[in-house]
Amino acid sequence: MKLRVSNIGGITEPLELEIMPGVMSYEAPNAYGKTSLSKSLISLLTSSIKPEDLLTF
């Protein structure tokens, strides 16, 4: 499954990832959007975070 994220929290440039079955990990320096990516995945897979709560204005 491909995931495209943009304009969410610390992710200001379009980001495209390929999600594959199994365990996935990612690492990056501080302020690179790791938490924003996690929140967008949670929003995609559950209803615990509303998409409009993720947008950066």
PDB file of N, CA and C in Angstrom:
ATOM      1  N   MET A   1       0.845  -1.153   0.000  1.00  0.00           N
ATOM      2  CA  MET A   1       0.000   0.000   0.000  1.00  0.00           C
ATOM      3  C   MET A   1       0.903   1.232   0.000  1.00  0.00           C
ATOM      4  N   LYS A   2       0.578   2.194  -0.832  1.00  0.00           N
ATOM      5  CA  LYS A   2       1.318   3.448  -0.857  1.00  0.00           C
ATOM      6  C   LYS A   2       0.586   4.482  -0.035  1.00  0.00           C
ATOM      7  N   LEU A   3       1.345   5.264   0.708  1.00  0.00           N
ATOM      8  CA  LEU A   3       0.807   6.313   1.557  1.00  0.00           C
ATOM      9  C   LEU A   3       1.445   7.625   1.121  1.00  0.00           C
ATOM     10  N   ARG A   4       0.619   8.622   0.877  1.00  0.00           N
ATOM     11  CA  ARG A   4       1.114   9.940   0.512  1.00  0.00           C
ATOM     12  C   ARG A   4       0.634  10.931   1.568  1.00  0.00           C
ATOM     13  N   VAL A   5       1.562  11.657   2.157  1.00  0.00           N
ATOM     14  CA  VAL A   5       1.257  12.584   3.241  1.00  0.00           C
ATOM     15  C   VAL A   5       1.827  13.949   2.882  1.00  0.00           C
ATOM     16  N   SER A   6       1.067  14.995   3.174  1.00  0.00           N
ATOM     17  CA  SER A   6       1.542  16.350   2.946  1.00  0.00           C
ATOM     18  C   SER A   6       0.766  17.299   3.850  1.00  0.00           C
ATOM     19  N   ASN A   7       1.433  18.350   4.307  1.00  0.00           N
ATOM     20  CA  ASN A   7       0.798  19.409   5.090  1.00  0.00           C
ATOM     21  C   ASN A   7       0.179  18.909   6.391  1.00  0.00           C
ATOM     22  N   ILE A   8       0.870  17.997   7.051  1.00  0.00           N
ATOM     23  CA  ILE A   8       0.431  17.482   8.348  1.00  0.00           C
ATOM     24  C   ILE A   8       1.574  17.672   9.334  1.00  0.00           C
ATOM     25  N   GLY A   9       1.347  18.486  10.346  1.00  0.00           N
ATOM     26  CA  GLY A   9       2.362  18.714  11.369  1.00  0.00           C
ATOM     27  C   GLY A   9       3.683  19.158  10.778  1.00  0.00           C
ATOM     28  N   GLY A  10       4.747  18.415  11.071  1.00  0.00           N
ATOM     29  CA  GLY A  10       6.075  18.756  10.592  1.00  0.00           C
ATOM     30  C   GLY A  10       6.347  18.339   9.158  1.00  0.00           C
ATOM     31  N   ILE A  11       5.406  17.694   8.501  1.00  0.00           N
ATOM     32  CA  ILE A  11       5.597  17.248   7.115  1.00  0.00           C
ATOM     33  C   ILE A  11       5.029  18.335   6.204  1.00  0.00           C
ATOM     34  N   THR A  12       5.912  19.178   5.676  1.00  0.00           N
ATOM     35  CA  THR A  12       5.468  20.287   4.836  1.00  0.00           C
ATOM     36  C   THR A  12       5.607  19.969   3.347  1.00  0.00           C
ATOM     37  N   GLU A  13       6.521  19.118   2.996  1.00  0.00           N
ATOM     38  CA  GLU A  13       6.703  18.682   1.609  1.00  0.00           C
ATOM     39  C   GLU A  13       5.996  17.352   1.423  1.00  0.00           C
ATOM     40  N   PRO A  14       5.469  17.065   0.226  1.00  0.00           N
ATOM     41  CA  PRO A  14       4.825  15.766  -0.006  1.00  0.00           C
ATOM     42  C   PRO A  14       5.778  14.602   0.296  1.00  0.00           C
ATOM     43  N   LEU A  15       5.270  13.615   0.998  1.00  0.00           N
ATOM     44  CA  LEU A  15       6.044  12.437   1.381  1.00  0.00           C
ATOM     45  C   LEU A  15       5.276  11.207   0.927  1.00  0.00           C
ATOM     46  N   GLU A  16       5.941  10.304   0.208  1.00  0.00           N
ATOM     47  CA  GLU A  16       5.295   9.089  -0.250  1.00  0.00           C
ATOM     48  C   GLU A  16       6.057   7.882   0.281  1.00  0.00           C
ATOM     49  N   LEU A  17       5.326   6.970   0.909  1.00  0.00           N
ATOM     50  CA  LEU A  17       5.919   5.765   1.488  1.00  0.00           C
ATOM     51  C   LEU A  17       5.192   4.534   0.983  1.00  0.00           C
ATOM     52  N   GLU A  18       5.912   3.450   0.883  1.00  0.00           N
ATOM     53  CA  GLU A  18       5.287   2.166   0.567  1.00  0.00           C
ATOM     54  C   GLU A  18       5.221   1.368   1.863  1.00  0.00           C
ATOM     55  N   ILE A  19       4.015   1.004   2.278  1.00  0.00           N
ATOM     56  CA  ILE A  19       3.795   0.236   3.496  1.00  0.00           C
ATOM     57  C   ILE A  19       3.647  -1.228   3.100  1.00  0.00           C
ATOM     58  N   MET A  20       4.454  -2.086   3.717  1.00  0.00           N
ATOM     59  CA  MET A  20       4.413  -3.514   3.419  1.00  0.00           C
ATOM     60  C   MET A  20       4.050  -4.280   4.687  1.00  0.00           C
ATOM     61  N   PRO A  21       3.506  -5.472   4.546  1.00  0.00           N
ATOM     62  CA  PRO A  21       3.180  -6.277   5.729  1.00  0.00           C
ATOM     63  C   PRO A  21       4.428  -6.543   6.574  1.00  0.00           C
ATOM     64  N   GLY A  22       4.223  -6.625   7.872  1.00  0.00           N
ATOM     65  CA  GLY A  22       5.327  -6.905   8.773  1.00  0.00           C
ATOM     66  C   GLY A  22       5.637  -5.712   9.653  1.00  0.00           C
ATOM     67  N   VAL A  23       6.802  -5.719  10.224  1.00  0.00           N
ATOM     68  CA  VAL A  23       7.232  -4.659  11.123  1.00  0.00           C
ATOM     69  C   VAL A  23       7.985  -3.606  10.318  1.00  0.00           C
ATOM     70  N   MET A  24       7.617  -2.365  10.539  1.00  0.00           N
ATOM     71  CA  MET A  24       8.269  -1.264   9.832  1.00  0.00           C
ATOM     72  C   MET A  24       8.777  -0.269  10.856  1.00  0.00           C
ATOM     73  N   SER A  25       9.961   0.231  10.666  1.00  0.00           N
ATOM     74  CA  SER A  25      10.481   1.256  11.560  1.00  0.00           C
ATOM     75  C   SER A  25      11.065   2.384  10.723  1.00  0.00           C
ATOM     76  N   TYR A  26      11.104   3.554  11.296  1.00  0.00           N
ATOM     77  CA  TYR A  26      11.706   4.694  10.616  1.00  0.00           C
ATOM     78  C   TYR A  26      12.389   5.557  11.655  1.00  0.00           C
ATOM     79  N   GLU A  27      13.455   6.190  11.231  1.00  0.00           N
ATOM     80  CA  GLU A  27      14.189   7.069  12.127  1.00  0.00           C
ATOM     81  C   GLU A  27      14.625   8.295  11.361  1.00  0.00           C
ATOM     82  N   ALA A  28      14.697   9.398  12.066  1.00  0.00           N
ATOM     83  CA  ALA A  28      15.107  10.664  11.481  1.00  0.00           C
ATOM     84  C   ALA A  28      15.458  11.608  12.627  1.00  0.00           C
ATOM     85  N   PRO A  29      16.164  12.680  12.329  1.00  0.00           N
ATOM     86  CA  PRO A  29      16.477  13.659  13.374  1.00  0.00           C
ATOM     87  C   PRO A  29      15.208  14.311  13.935  1.00  0.00           C
ATOM     88  N   ASN A  30      15.373  15.041  15.020  1.00  0.00           N
ATOM     89  CA  ASN A  30      14.245  15.764  15.613  1.00  0.00           C
ATOM     90  C   ASN A  30      13.641  16.726  14.602  1.00  0.00           C
ATOM     91  N   ALA A  31      12.337  16.928  14.713  1.00  0.00           N
ATOM     92  CA  ALA A  31      11.582  17.880  13.883  1.00  0.00           C
ATOM     93  C   ALA A  31      11.520  17.487  12.405  1.00  0.00           C
ATOM     94  N   TYR A  32      11.547  16.208  12.103  1.00  0.00           N
ATOM     95  CA  TYR A  32      11.428  15.739  10.719  1.00  0.00           C
ATOM     96  C   TYR A  32      10.063  15.128  10.418  1.00  0.00           C
ATOM     97  N   GLY A  33       9.134  15.142  11.376  1.00  0.00           N
ATOM     98  CA  GLY A  33       7.775  14.695  11.110  1.00  0.00           C
ATOM     99  C   GLY A  33       7.468  13.257  11.482  1.00  0.00           C
ATOM    100  N   LYS A  34       8.270  12.631  12.334  1.00  0.00           N
ATOM    101  CA  LYS A  34       8.015  11.236  12.730  1.00  0.00           C
ATOM    102  C   LYS A  34       6.681  11.108  13.458  1.00  0.00           C
ATOM    103  N   THR A  35       6.417  12.002  14.402  1.00  0.00           N
ATOM    104  CA  THR A  35       5.158  11.961  15.137  1.00  0.00           C
ATOM    105  C   THR A  35       3.993  12.290  14.217  1.00  0.00           C
ATOM    106  N   SER A  36       4.176  13.241  13.329  1.00  0.00           N
ATOM    107  CA  SER A  36       3.114  13.590  12.368  1.00  0.00           C
ATOM    108  C   SER A  36       2.788  12.409  11.472  1.00  0.00           C
ATOM    109  N   LEU A  37       3.802  11.676  11.038  1.00  0.00           N
ATOM    110  CA  LEU A  37       3.573  10.494  10.213  1.00  0.00           C
ATOM    111  C   LEU A  37       2.814   9.433  11.012  1.00  0.00           C
ATOM    112  N   SER A  38       3.207   9.229  12.262  1.00  0.00           N
ATOM    113  CA  SER A  38       2.517   8.258  13.114  1.00  0.00           C
ATOM    114  C   SER A  38       1.053   8.643  13.313  1.00  0.00           C
ATOM    115  N   LYS A  39       0.801   9.917  13.570  1.00  0.00           N
ATOM    116  CA  LYS A  39      -0.578  10.373  13.768  1.00  0.00           C
ATOM    117  C   LYS A  39      -1.395  10.214  12.486  1.00  0.00           C
ATOM    118  N   SER A  40      -0.783  10.463  11.338  1.00  0.00           N
ATOM    119  CA  SER A  40      -1.529  10.298  10.085  1.00  0.00           C
ATOM    120  C   SER A  40      -1.868   8.831   9.844  1.00  0.00           C
ATOM    121  N   LEU A  41      -0.970   7.916  10.196  1.00  0.00           N
ATOM    122  CA  LEU A  41      -1.260   6.479  10.071  1.00  0.00           C
ATOM    123  C   LEU A  41      -2.383   6.069  11.022  1.00  0.00           C
ATOM    124  N   ILE A  42      -2.359   6.589  12.240  1.00  0.00           N
ATOM    125  CA  ILE A  42      -3.420   6.284  13.203  1.00  0.00           C
ATOM    126  C   ILE A  42      -4.755   6.798  12.672  1.00  0.00           C
ATOM    127  N   SER A  43      -4.759   8.004  12.109  1.00  0.00           N
ATOM    128  CA  SER A  43      -5.983   8.560  11.546  1.00  0.00           C
ATOM    129  C   SER A  43      -6.491   7.730  10.375  1.00  0.00           C
ATOM    130  N   LEU A  44      -5.583   7.237   9.560  1.00  0.00           N
ATOM    131  CA  LEU A  44      -5.956   6.421   8.403  1.00  0.00           C
ATOM    132  C   LEU A  44      -6.558   5.089   8.827  1.00  0.00           C
ATOM    133  N   LEU A  45      -5.999   4.479   9.857  1.00  0.00           N
ATOM    134  CA  LEU A  45      -6.381   3.122  10.237  1.00  0.00           C
ATOM    135  C   LEU A  45      -7.463   3.042  11.315  1.00  0.00           C
ATOM    136  N   THR A  46      -7.675   4.118  12.059  1.00  0.00           N
ATOM    137  CA  THR A  46      -8.683   4.109  13.125  1.00  0.00           C
ATOM    138  C   THR A  46      -9.493   5.403  13.048  1.00  0.00           C
ATOM    139  N   SER A  47     -10.403   5.562  13.966  1.00  0.00           N
ATOM    140  CA  SER A  47     -11.160   6.813  14.018  1.00  0.00           C
ATOM    141  C   SER A  47     -10.800   7.623  15.264  1.00  0.00           C
ATOM    142  N   SER A  48      -9.667   7.327  15.874  1.00  0.00           N
ATOM    143  CA  SER A  48      -9.311   8.011  17.117  1.00  0.00           C
ATOM    144  C   SER A  48      -8.745   9.413  16.891  1.00  0.00           C
ATOM    145  N   ILE A  49      -8.268   9.716  15.693  1.00  0.00           N
ATOM    146  CA  ILE A  49      -7.793  11.064  15.347  1.00  0.00           C
ATOM    147  C   ILE A  49      -8.513  11.475  14.082  1.00  0.00           C
ATOM    148  N   LYS A  50      -9.201  12.613  14.132  1.00  0.00           N
ATOM    149  CA  LYS A  50      -9.918  13.103  12.960  1.00  0.00           C
ATOM    150  C   LYS A  50      -8.924  13.742  11.982  1.00  0.00           C
ATOM    151  N   PRO A  51      -9.093  13.512  10.692  1.00  0.00           N
ATOM    152  CA  PRO A  51      -8.164  14.089   9.708  1.00  0.00           C
ATOM    153  C   PRO A  51      -8.017  15.598   9.830  1.00  0.00           C
ATOM    154  N   GLU A  52      -9.100  16.300  10.112  1.00  0.00           N
ATOM    155  CA  GLU A  52      -9.014  17.762  10.212  1.00  0.00           C
ATOM    156  C   GLU A  52      -8.153  18.217  11.397  1.00  0.00           C
ATOM    157  N   ASP A  53      -7.958  17.348  12.387  1.00  0.00           N
ATOM    158  CA  ASP A  53      -7.103  17.687  13.521  1.00  0.00           C
ATOM    159  C   ASP A  53      -5.623  17.619  13.172  1.00  0.00           C
ATOM    160  N   LEU A  54      -5.285  17.042  12.020  1.00  0.00           N
ATOM    161  CA  LEU A  54      -3.893  16.882  11.615  1.00  0.00           C
ATOM    162  C   LEU A  54      -3.387  18.005  10.725  1.00  0.00           C
ATOM    163  N   LEU A  55      -4.289  18.771  10.130  1.00  0.00           N
ATOM    164  CA  LEU A  55      -3.883  19.762   9.137  1.00  0.00           C
ATOM    165  C   LEU A  55      -3.083  20.898   9.745  1.00  0.00           C
ATOM    166  N   THR A  56      -2.097  21.357   8.988  1.00  0.00           N
ATOM    167  CA  THR A  56      -1.293  22.503   9.366  1.00  0.00           C
ATOM    168  C   THR A  56      -1.765  23.699   8.554  1.00  0.00           C
ATOM    169  N   PHE A  57      -2.115  24.767   9.221  1.00  0.00           N
ATOM    170  CA  PHE A  57      -2.598  25.954   8.512  1.00  0.00           C
ATOM    171  C   PHE A  57      -1.550  27.030   8.498  1.00  0.00           C
TER     172      PHE A  57
END
